[in-house]
Amino acid sequence: MWLSDRGCSDIVEEVWLSRGDGEVHDRVIRKIDKCGKELRIWNRNFFGNVRMVLSRKRKELKEAEKVAMRSKNNQQVRELKKEIVELVDKENRL
């Protein structure tokens, strides 16, 4: 799941390209720790709440479909369906 998202490799690359002080093995250990912390934060922000957001978007879609039936404007419906497809894809990678 993570490797399919560019954000993961960006974080790893940024951490490993950063300079550090001290002995080589100490720098490696600090970079591993920092990489783990940054990836946990990134995971929580980008994948952690997928199911909750997906549930909310599905409810919004039902309401938008009702509005679209009356107004004959389905722009919001199309946008929500696109968002839902993307979220389902993320959820399948969890």
PDB file of N, CA and C in Angstrom:
ATOM      1  N   MET A   1       0.826  -1.182   0.000  1.00  0.00           N
ATOM      2  CA  MET A   1       0.000   0.000   0.000  1.00  0.00           C
ATOM      3  C   MET A   1       0.868   1.241   0.000  1.00  0.00           C
ATOM      4  N   TRP A   2       1.825   1.339   0.910  1.00  0.00           N
ATOM      5  CA  TRP A   2       2.634   2.545   1.007  1.00  0.00           C
ATOM      6  C   TRP A   2       3.441   2.797  -0.250  1.00  0.00           C
ATOM      7  N   LEU A   3       4.006   1.742  -0.803  1.00  0.00           N
ATOM      8  CA  LEU A   3       4.904   1.916  -1.945  1.00  0.00           C
ATOM      9  C   LEU A   3       4.171   2.425  -3.177  1.00  0.00           C
ATOM     10  N   SER A   4       2.874   2.246  -3.223  1.00  0.00           N
ATOM     11  CA  SER A   4       2.108   2.733  -4.375  1.00  0.00           C
ATOM     12  C   SER A   4       1.846   4.233  -4.289  1.00  0.00           C
ATOM     13  N   ASP A   5       2.154   4.842  -3.151  1.00  0.00           N
ATOM     14  CA  ASP A   5       1.937   6.272  -2.978  1.00  0.00           C
ATOM     15  C   ASP A   5       3.286   6.990  -2.948  1.00  0.00           C
ATOM     16  N   ARG A   6       3.406   8.009  -3.760  1.00  0.00           N
ATOM     17  CA  ARG A   6       4.672   8.750  -3.899  1.00  0.00           C
ATOM     18  C   ARG A   6       5.130   9.352  -2.574  1.00  0.00           C
ATOM     19  N   GLY A   7       4.209   9.668  -1.687  1.00  0.00           N
ATOM     20  CA  GLY A   7       4.556  10.286  -0.410  1.00  0.00           C
ATOM     21  C   GLY A   7       5.508   9.445   0.408  1.00  0.00           C
ATOM     22  N   CYS A   8       5.374   8.149   0.336  1.00  0.00           N
ATOM     23  CA  CYS A   8       6.250   7.243   1.083  1.00  0.00           C
ATOM     24  C   CYS A   8       7.693   7.397   0.636  1.00  0.00           C
ATOM     25  N   SER A   9       7.918   7.273  -0.647  1.00  0.00           N
ATOM     26  CA  SER A   9       9.299   7.361  -1.143  1.00  0.00           C
ATOM     27  C   SER A   9       9.860   8.762  -0.947  1.00  0.00           C
ATOM     28  N   ASP A  10       9.010   9.791  -1.005  1.00  0.00           N
ATOM     29  CA  ASP A  10       9.474  11.153  -0.749  1.00  0.00           C
ATOM     30  C   ASP A  10      10.020  11.295   0.668  1.00  0.00           C
ATOM     31  N   ILE A  11       9.300  10.732   1.634  1.00  0.00           N
ATOM     32  CA  ILE A  11       9.730  10.809   3.032  1.00  0.00           C
ATOM     33  C   ILE A  11      11.040  10.064   3.231  1.00  0.00           C
ATOM     34  N   VAL A  12      11.118   8.850   2.722  1.00  0.00           N
ATOM     35  CA  VAL A  12      12.332   8.051   2.883  1.00  0.00           C
ATOM     36  C   VAL A  12      13.522   8.771   2.242  1.00  0.00           C
ATOM     37  N   GLU A  13      13.315   9.273   1.055  1.00  0.00           N
ATOM     38  CA  GLU A  13      14.397   9.972   0.347  1.00  0.00           C
ATOM     39  C   GLU A  13      14.842  11.217   1.115  1.00  0.00           C
ATOM     40  N   GLU A  14      13.896  11.986   1.599  1.00  0.00           N
ATOM     41  CA  GLU A  14      14.231  13.206   2.336  1.00  0.00           C
ATOM     42  C   GLU A  14      15.039  12.893   3.591  1.00  0.00           C
ATOM     43  N   VAL A  15      14.616  11.880   4.330  1.00  0.00           N
ATOM     44  CA  VAL A  15      15.323  11.519   5.568  1.00  0.00           C
ATOM     45  C   VAL A  15      16.733  11.031   5.258  1.00  0.00           C
ATOM     46  N   TRP A  16      16.870  10.178   4.274  1.00  0.00           N
ATOM     47  CA  TRP A  16      18.183   9.593   3.992  1.00  0.00           C
ATOM     48  C   TRP A  16      19.140  10.569   3.320  1.00  0.00           C
ATOM     49  N   LEU A  17      18.624  11.600   2.673  1.00  0.00           N
ATOM     50  CA  LEU A  17      19.497  12.607   2.063  1.00  0.00           C
ATOM     51  C   LEU A  17      19.900  13.697   3.046  1.00  0.00           C
ATOM     52  N   SER A  18      19.237  13.752   4.193  1.00  0.00           N
ATOM     53  CA  SER A  18      19.567  14.776   5.181  1.00  0.00           C
ATOM     54  C   SER A  18      20.939  14.494   5.798  1.00  0.00           C
ATOM     55  N   ARG A  19      21.606  15.571   6.135  1.00  0.00           N
ATOM     56  CA  ARG A  19      22.932  15.434   6.741  1.00  0.00           C
ATOM     57  C   ARG A  19      22.765  15.163   8.224  1.00  0.00           C
ATOM     58  N   GLY A  20      23.777  14.598   8.794  1.00  0.00           N
ATOM     59  CA  GLY A  20      23.751  14.331  10.220  1.00  0.00           C
ATOM     60  C   GLY A  20      25.154  14.433  10.799  1.00  0.00           C
ATOM     61  N   ASP A  21      25.221  14.578  12.100  1.00  0.00           N
ATOM     62  CA  ASP A  21      26.509  14.669  12.795  1.00  0.00           C
ATOM     63  C   ASP A  21      26.807  13.344  13.473  1.00  0.00           C
ATOM     64  N   GLY A  22      28.064  13.133  13.773  1.00  0.00           N
ATOM     65  CA  GLY A  22      28.461  11.962  14.528  1.00  0.00           C
ATOM     66  C   GLY A  22      28.978  10.842  13.656  1.00  0.00           C
ATOM     67  N   GLU A  23      29.174   9.720  14.289  1.00  0.00           N
ATOM     68  CA  GLU A  23      29.685   8.524  13.620  1.00  0.00           C
ATOM     69  C   GLU A  23      28.657   7.988  12.630  1.00  0.00           C
ATOM     70  N   VAL A  24      29.146   7.268  11.646  1.00  0.00           N
ATOM     71  CA  VAL A  24      28.274   6.738  10.588  1.00  0.00           C
ATOM     72  C   VAL A  24      27.164   5.875  11.176  1.00  0.00           C
ATOM     73  N   HIS A  25      27.500   4.951  12.058  1.00  0.00           N
ATOM     74  CA  HIS A  25      26.463   4.053  12.595  1.00  0.00           C
ATOM     75  C   HIS A  25      25.440   4.829  13.428  1.00  0.00           C
ATOM     76  N   ASP A  26      25.869   5.895  14.125  1.00  0.00           N
ATOM     77  CA  ASP A  26      24.918   6.714  14.876  1.00  0.00           C
ATOM     78  C   ASP A  26      23.973   7.466  13.933  1.00  0.00           C
ATOM     79  N   ARG A  27      24.515   7.982  12.827  1.00  0.00           N
ATOM     80  CA  ARG A  27      23.673   8.680  11.848  1.00  0.00           C
ATOM     81  C   ARG A  27      22.651   7.729  11.240  1.00  0.00           C
ATOM     82  N   VAL A  28      23.074   6.514  10.923  1.00  0.00           N
ATOM     83  CA  VAL A  28      22.160   5.520  10.343  1.00  0.00           C
ATOM     84  C   VAL A  28      21.028   5.210  11.315  1.00  0.00           C
ATOM     85  N   ILE A  29      21.363   5.000  12.571  1.00  0.00           N
ATOM     86  CA  ILE A  29      20.334   4.693  13.574  1.00  0.00           C
ATOM     87  C   ILE A  29      19.358   5.857  13.720  1.00  0.00           C
ATOM     88  N   ARG A  30      19.879   7.087  13.758  1.00  0.00           N
ATOM     89  CA  ARG A  30      18.992   8.263  13.872  1.00  0.00           C
ATOM     90  C   ARG A  30      18.098   8.393  12.646  1.00  0.00           C
ATOM     91  N   LYS A  31      18.650   8.110  11.469  1.00  0.00           N
ATOM     92  CA  LYS A  31      17.849   8.206  10.246  1.00  0.00           C
ATOM     93  C   LYS A  31      16.764   7.136  10.211  1.00  0.00           C
ATOM     94  N   ILE A  32      17.083   5.947  10.668  1.00  0.00           N
ATOM     95  CA  ILE A  32      16.070   4.879  10.725  1.00  0.00           C
ATOM     96  C   ILE A  32      14.944   5.288  11.672  1.00  0.00           C
ATOM     97  N   ASP A  33      15.311   5.803  12.844  1.00  0.00           N
ATOM     98  CA  ASP A  33      14.299   6.263  13.810  1.00  0.00           C
ATOM     99  C   ASP A  33      13.442   7.381  13.230  1.00  0.00           C
ATOM    100  N   LYS A  34      14.097   8.379  12.630  1.00  0.00           N
ATOM    101  CA  LYS A  34      13.362   9.514  12.054  1.00  0.00           C
ATOM    102  C   LYS A  34      12.455   9.051  10.921  1.00  0.00           C
ATOM    103  N   CYS A  35      12.952   8.161  10.096  1.00  0.00           N
ATOM    104  CA  CYS A  35      12.159   7.644   8.983  1.00  0.00           C
ATOM    105  C   CYS A  35      10.902   6.951   9.515  1.00  0.00           C
ATOM    106  N   GLY A  36      11.058   6.128  10.536  1.00  0.00           N
ATOM    107  CA  GLY A  36       9.914   5.445  11.135  1.00  0.00           C
ATOM    108  C   GLY A  36       8.885   6.413  11.688  1.00  0.00           C
ATOM    109  N   LYS A  37       9.351   7.441  12.382  1.00  0.00           N
ATOM    110  CA  LYS A  37       8.432   8.436  12.951  1.00  0.00           C
ATOM    111  C   LYS A  37       7.689   9.187  11.851  1.00  0.00           C
ATOM    112  N   GLU A  38       8.424   9.635  10.845  1.00  0.00           N
ATOM    113  CA  GLU A  38       7.803  10.379   9.751  1.00  0.00           C
ATOM    114  C   GLU A  38       6.794   9.523   8.981  1.00  0.00           C
ATOM    115  N   LEU A  39       7.121   8.252   8.766  1.00  0.00           N
ATOM    116  CA  LEU A  39       6.205   7.368   8.039  1.00  0.00           C
ATOM    117  C   LEU A  39       4.955   7.060   8.852  1.00  0.00           C
ATOM    118  N   ARG A  40       5.078   6.950  10.180  1.00  0.00           N
ATOM    119  CA  ARG A  40       3.893   6.736  11.018  1.00  0.00           C
ATOM    120  C   ARG A  40       2.949   7.933  10.930  1.00  0.00           C
ATOM    121  N   ILE A  41       3.498   9.142  10.973  1.00  0.00           N
ATOM    122  CA  ILE A  41       2.682  10.357  10.860  1.00  0.00           C
ATOM    123  C   ILE A  41       2.014  10.406   9.488  1.00  0.00           C
ATOM    124  N   TRP A  42       2.794  10.161   8.452  1.00  0.00           N
ATOM    125  CA  TRP A  42       2.273  10.176   7.083  1.00  0.00           C
ATOM    126  C   TRP A  42       1.162   9.133   6.915  1.00  0.00           C
ATOM    127  N   ASN A  43       1.380   7.931   7.426  1.00  0.00           N
ATOM    128  CA  ASN A  43       0.369   6.869   7.330  1.00  0.00           C
ATOM    129  C   ASN A  43      -0.928   7.287   8.002  1.00  0.00           C
ATOM    130  N   ARG A  44      -0.823   7.853   9.181  1.00  0.00           N
ATOM    131  CA  ARG A  44      -2.021   8.274   9.916  1.00  0.00           C
ATOM    132  C   ARG A  44      -2.772   9.356   9.137  1.00  0.00           C
ATOM    133  N   ASN A  45      -2.035  10.287   8.539  1.00  0.00           N
ATOM    134  CA  ASN A  45      -2.674  11.383   7.816  1.00  0.00           C
ATOM    135  C   ASN A  45      -3.260  10.972   6.474  1.00  0.00           C
ATOM    136  N   PHE A  46      -2.631  10.038   5.773  1.00  0.00           N
ATOM    137  CA  PHE A  46      -3.056   9.718   4.413  1.00  0.00           C
ATOM    138  C   PHE A  46      -3.807   8.399   4.272  1.00  0.00           C
ATOM    139  N   PHE A  47      -3.635   7.481   5.184  1.00  0.00           N
ATOM    140  CA  PHE A  47      -4.314   6.192   5.076  1.00  0.00           C
ATOM    141  C   PHE A  47      -5.148   5.862   6.310  1.00  0.00           C
ATOM    142  N   GLY A  48      -4.841   6.462   7.430  1.00  0.00           N
ATOM    143  CA  GLY A  48      -5.460   6.088   8.693  1.00  0.00           C
ATOM    144  C   GLY A  48      -6.955   6.304   8.774  1.00  0.00           C
ATOM    145  N   ASN A  49      -7.460   7.289   8.081  1.00  0.00           N
ATOM    146  CA  ASN A  49      -8.883   7.584   8.221  1.00  0.00           C
ATOM    147  C   ASN A  49      -9.662   7.299   6.935  1.00  0.00           C
ATOM    148  N   VAL A  50      -9.158   6.427   6.097  1.00  0.00           N
ATOM    149  CA  VAL A  50      -9.795   6.134   4.809  1.00  0.00           C
ATOM    150  C   VAL A  50     -11.211   5.604   5.003  1.00  0.00           C
ATOM    151  N   ARG A  51     -11.397   4.682   5.900  1.00  0.00           N
ATOM    152  CA  ARG A  51     -12.729   4.088   6.086  1.00  0.00           C
ATOM    153  C   ARG A  51     -13.742   5.107   6.590  1.00  0.00           C
ATOM    154  N   MET A  52     -13.309   5.953   7.496  1.00  0.00           N
ATOM    155  CA  MET A  52     -14.209   6.975   8.032  1.00  0.00           C
ATOM    156  C   MET A  52     -14.599   7.970   6.928  1.00  0.00           C
ATOM    157  N   VAL A  53     -13.627   8.432   6.156  1.00  0.00           N
ATOM    158  CA  VAL A  53     -13.903   9.384   5.080  1.00  0.00           C
ATOM    159  C   VAL A  53     -14.781   8.744   4.017  1.00  0.00           C
ATOM    160  N   LEU A  54     -14.517   7.474   3.701  1.00  0.00           N
ATOM    161  CA  LEU A  54     -15.311   6.758   2.703  1.00  0.00           C
ATOM    162  C   LEU A  54     -16.770   6.666   3.140  1.00  0.00           C
ATOM    163  N   SER A  55     -17.007   6.363   4.378  1.00  0.00           N
ATOM    164  CA  SER A  55     -18.374   6.295   4.900  1.00  0.00           C
ATOM    165  C   SER A  55     -19.069   7.654   4.791  1.00  0.00           C
ATOM    166  N   ARG A  56     -18.355   8.708   5.144  1.00  0.00           N
ATOM    167  CA  ARG A  56     -18.923  10.053   5.066  1.00  0.00           C
ATOM    168  C   ARG A  56     -19.229  10.444   3.621  1.00  0.00           C
ATOM    169  N   LYS A  57     -18.330  10.119   2.700  1.00  0.00           N
ATOM    170  CA  LYS A  57     -18.520  10.463   1.286  1.00  0.00           C
ATOM    171  C   LYS A  57     -19.707   9.704   0.699  1.00  0.00           C
ATOM    172  N   ARG A  58     -19.908   8.477   1.114  1.00  0.00           N
ATOM    173  CA  ARG A  58     -21.059   7.707   0.619  1.00  0.00           C
ATOM    174  C   ARG A  58     -22.369   8.336   1.085  1.00  0.00           C
ATOM    175  N   LYS A  59     -22.394   8.830   2.315  1.00  0.00           N
ATOM    176  CA  LYS A  59     -23.591   9.528   2.811  1.00  0.00           C
ATOM    177  C   LYS A  59     -23.810  10.825   2.030  1.00  0.00           C
ATOM    178  N   GLU A  60     -22.723  11.552   1.800  1.00  0.00           N
ATOM    179  CA  GLU A  60     -22.825  12.792   1.014  1.00  0.00           C
ATOM    180  C   GLU A  60     -23.330  12.496  -0.394  1.00  0.00           C
ATOM    181  N   LEU A  61     -22.905  11.381  -0.968  1.00  0.00           N
ATOM    182  CA  LEU A  61     -23.334  11.012  -2.314  1.00  0.00           C
ATOM    183  C   LEU A  61     -24.832  10.769  -2.356  1.00  0.00           C
ATOM    184  N   LYS A  62     -25.373  10.081  -1.365  1.00  0.00           N
ATOM    185  CA  LYS A  62     -26.821   9.844  -1.329  1.00  0.00           C
ATOM    186  C   LYS A  62     -27.596  11.158  -1.314  1.00  0.00           C
ATOM    187  N   GLU A  63     -27.119  12.090  -0.494  1.00  0.00           N
ATOM    188  CA  GLU A  63     -27.796  13.389  -0.433  1.00  0.00           C
ATOM    189  C   GLU A  63     -27.634  14.154  -1.754  1.00  0.00           C
ATOM    190  N   ALA A  64     -26.443  14.109  -2.328  1.00  0.00           N
ATOM    191  CA  ALA A  64     -26.193  14.811  -3.590  1.00  0.00           C
ATOM    192  C   ALA A  64     -27.037  14.238  -4.721  1.00  0.00           C
ATOM    193  N   GLU A  65     -27.271  12.936  -4.693  1.00  0.00           N
ATOM    194  CA  GLU A  65     -28.118  12.314  -5.721  1.00  0.00           C
ATOM    195  C   GLU A  65     -29.563  12.801  -5.599  1.00  0.00           C
ATOM    196  N   LYS A  66     -30.039  12.974  -4.377  1.00  0.00           N
ATOM    197  CA  LYS A  66     -31.393  13.503  -4.177  1.00  0.00           C
ATOM    198  C   LYS A  66     -31.501  14.927  -4.733  1.00  0.00           C
ATOM    199  N   VAL A  67     -30.503  15.744  -4.430  1.00  0.00           N
ATOM    200  CA  VAL A  67     -30.490  17.126  -4.912  1.00  0.00           C
ATOM    201  C   VAL A  67     -30.408  17.147  -6.432  1.00  0.00           C
ATOM    202  N   ALA A  68     -29.580  16.286  -6.999  1.00  0.00           N
ATOM    203  CA  ALA A  68     -29.398  16.248  -8.450  1.00  0.00           C
ATOM    204  C   ALA A  68     -30.686  15.856  -9.165  1.00  0.00           C
ATOM    205  N   MET A  69     -31.478  15.004  -8.555  1.00  0.00           N
ATOM    206  CA  MET A  69     -32.754  14.605  -9.157  1.00  0.00           C
ATOM    207  C   MET A  69     -33.688  15.812  -9.296  1.00  0.00           C
ATOM    208  N   ARG A  70     -33.645  16.690  -8.307  1.00  0.00           N
ATOM    209  CA  ARG A  70     -34.515  17.872  -8.335  1.00  0.00           C
ATOM    210  C   ARG A  70     -33.948  18.975  -9.217  1.00  0.00           C
ATOM    211  N   SER A  71     -32.628  19.177  -9.141  1.00  0.00           N
ATOM    212  CA  SER A  71     -32.024  20.319  -9.837  1.00  0.00           C
ATOM    213  C   SER A  71     -31.474  19.984 -11.218  1.00  0.00           C
ATOM    214  N   LYS A  72     -31.358  18.710 -11.496  1.00  0.00           N
ATOM    215  CA  LYS A  72     -30.789  18.225 -12.764  1.00  0.00           C
ATOM    216  C   LYS A  72     -29.332  18.665 -12.946  1.00  0.00           C
ATOM    217  N   ASN A  73     -28.672  18.971 -11.847  1.00  0.00           N
ATOM    218  CA  ASN A  73     -27.253  19.309 -11.864  1.00  0.00           C
ATOM    219  C   ASN A  73     -26.519  18.212 -11.107  1.00  0.00           C
ATOM    220  N   ASN A  74     -25.733  17.431 -11.828  1.00  0.00           N
ATOM    221  CA  ASN A  74     -25.085  16.289 -11.189  1.00  0.00           C
ATOM    222  C   ASN A  74     -23.567  16.446 -11.048  1.00  0.00           C
ATOM    223  N   GLN A  75     -23.084  17.662 -11.080  1.00  0.00           N
ATOM    224  CA  GLN A  75     -21.645  17.911 -10.944  1.00  0.00           C
ATOM    225  C   GLN A  75     -21.120  17.381  -9.612  1.00  0.00           C
ATOM    226  N   GLN A  76     -21.817  17.666  -8.529  1.00  0.00           N
ATOM    227  CA  GLN A  76     -21.372  17.201  -7.219  1.00  0.00           C
ATOM    228  C   GLN A  76     -21.401  15.672  -7.148  1.00  0.00           C
ATOM    229  N   VAL A  77     -22.385  15.059  -7.757  1.00  0.00           N
ATOM    230  CA  VAL A  77     -22.478  13.594  -7.782  1.00  0.00           C
ATOM    231  C   VAL A  77     -21.252  13.009  -8.472  1.00  0.00           C
ATOM    232  N   ARG A  78     -20.881  13.576  -9.607  1.00  0.00           N
ATOM    233  CA  ARG A  78     -19.698  13.076 -10.337  1.00  0.00           C
ATOM    234  C   ARG A  78     -18.428  13.236  -9.512  1.00  0.00           C
ATOM    235  N   GLU A  79     -18.290  14.382  -8.855  1.00  0.00           N
ATOM    236  CA  GLU A  79     -17.103  14.622  -8.039  1.00  0.00           C
ATOM    237  C   GLU A  79     -17.026  13.650  -6.869  1.00  0.00           C
ATOM    238  N   LEU A  80     -18.151  13.429  -6.216  1.00  0.00           N
ATOM    239  CA  LEU A  80     -18.179  12.506  -5.086  1.00  0.00           C
ATOM    240  C   LEU A  80     -17.892  11.071  -5.530  1.00  0.00           C
ATOM    241  N   LYS A  81     -18.438  10.669  -6.666  1.00  0.00           N
ATOM    242  CA  LYS A  81     -18.162   9.325  -7.166  1.00  0.00           C
ATOM    243  C   LYS A  81     -16.680   9.141  -7.461  1.00  0.00           C
ATOM    244  N   LYS A  82     -16.056  10.156  -8.009  1.00  0.00           N
ATOM    245  CA  LYS A  82     -14.619  10.089  -8.284  1.00  0.00           C
ATOM    246  C   LYS A  82     -13.834   9.946  -6.976  1.00  0.00           C
ATOM    247  N   GLU A  83     -14.184  10.743  -5.974  1.00  0.00           N
ATOM    248  CA  GLU A  83     -13.522  10.662  -4.672  1.00  0.00           C
ATOM    249  C   GLU A  83     -13.716   9.280  -4.050  1.00  0.00           C
ATOM    250  N   ILE A  84     -14.915   8.731  -4.174  1.00  0.00           N
ATOM    251  CA  ILE A  84     -15.207   7.418  -3.601  1.00  0.00           C
ATOM    252  C   ILE A  84     -14.380   6.336  -4.279  1.00  0.00           C
ATOM    253  N   VAL A  85     -14.256   6.410  -5.590  1.00  0.00           N
ATOM    254  CA  VAL A  85     -13.430   5.425  -6.309  1.00  0.00           C
ATOM    255  C   VAL A  85     -11.990   5.477  -5.802  1.00  0.00           C
ATOM    256  N   GLU A  86     -11.452   6.672  -5.620  1.00  0.00           N
ATOM    257  CA  GLU A  86     -10.087   6.813  -5.119  1.00  0.00           C
ATOM    258  C   GLU A  86      -9.954   6.262  -3.704  1.00  0.00           C
ATOM    259  N   LEU A  87     -10.938   6.532  -2.867  1.00  0.00           N
ATOM    260  CA  LEU A  87     -10.909   6.031  -1.491  1.00  0.00           C
ATOM    261  C   LEU A  87     -11.036   4.514  -1.439  1.00  0.00           C
ATOM    262  N   VAL A  88     -11.890   3.947  -2.278  1.00  0.00           N
ATOM    263  CA  VAL A  88     -12.034   2.484  -2.329  1.00  0.00           C
ATOM    264  C   VAL A  88     -10.715   1.851  -2.753  1.00  0.00           C
ATOM    265  N   ASP A  89     -10.047   2.474  -3.710  1.00  0.00           N
ATOM    266  CA  ASP A  89      -8.744   1.983  -4.138  1.00  0.00           C
ATOM    267  C   ASP A  89      -7.752   1.992  -2.973  1.00  0.00           C
ATOM    268  N   LYS A  90      -7.725   3.081  -2.216  1.00  0.00           N
ATOM    269  CA  LYS A  90      -6.852   3.150  -1.036  1.00  0.00           C
ATOM    270  C   LYS A  90      -7.232   2.092  -0.016  1.00  0.00           C
ATOM    271  N   GLU A  91      -8.535   1.933   0.210  1.00  0.00           N
ATOM    272  CA  GLU A  91      -9.004   0.958   1.188  1.00  0.00           C
ATOM    273  C   GLU A  91      -8.593  -0.454   0.775  1.00  0.00           C
ATOM    274  N   ASN A  92      -8.642  -0.757  -0.500  1.00  0.00           N
ATOM    275  CA  ASN A  92      -8.252  -2.088  -0.971  1.00  0.00           C
ATOM    276  C   ASN A  92      -6.772  -2.351  -0.778  1.00  0.00           C
ATOM    277  N   ARG A  93      -5.984  -1.289  -0.652  1.00  0.00           N
ATOM    278  CA  ARG A  93      -4.553  -1.463  -0.444  1.00  0.00           C
ATOM    279  C   ARG A  93      -4.199  -1.550   1.035  1.00  0.00           C
ATOM    280  N   LEU A  94      -5.168  -1.358   1.916  1.00  0.00           N
ATOM    281  CA  LEU A  94      -4.901  -1.429   3.368  1.00  0.00           C
ATOM    282  C   LEU A  94      -4.642  -2.847   3.805  1.00  0.00           C
TER     283      LEU A  94
END
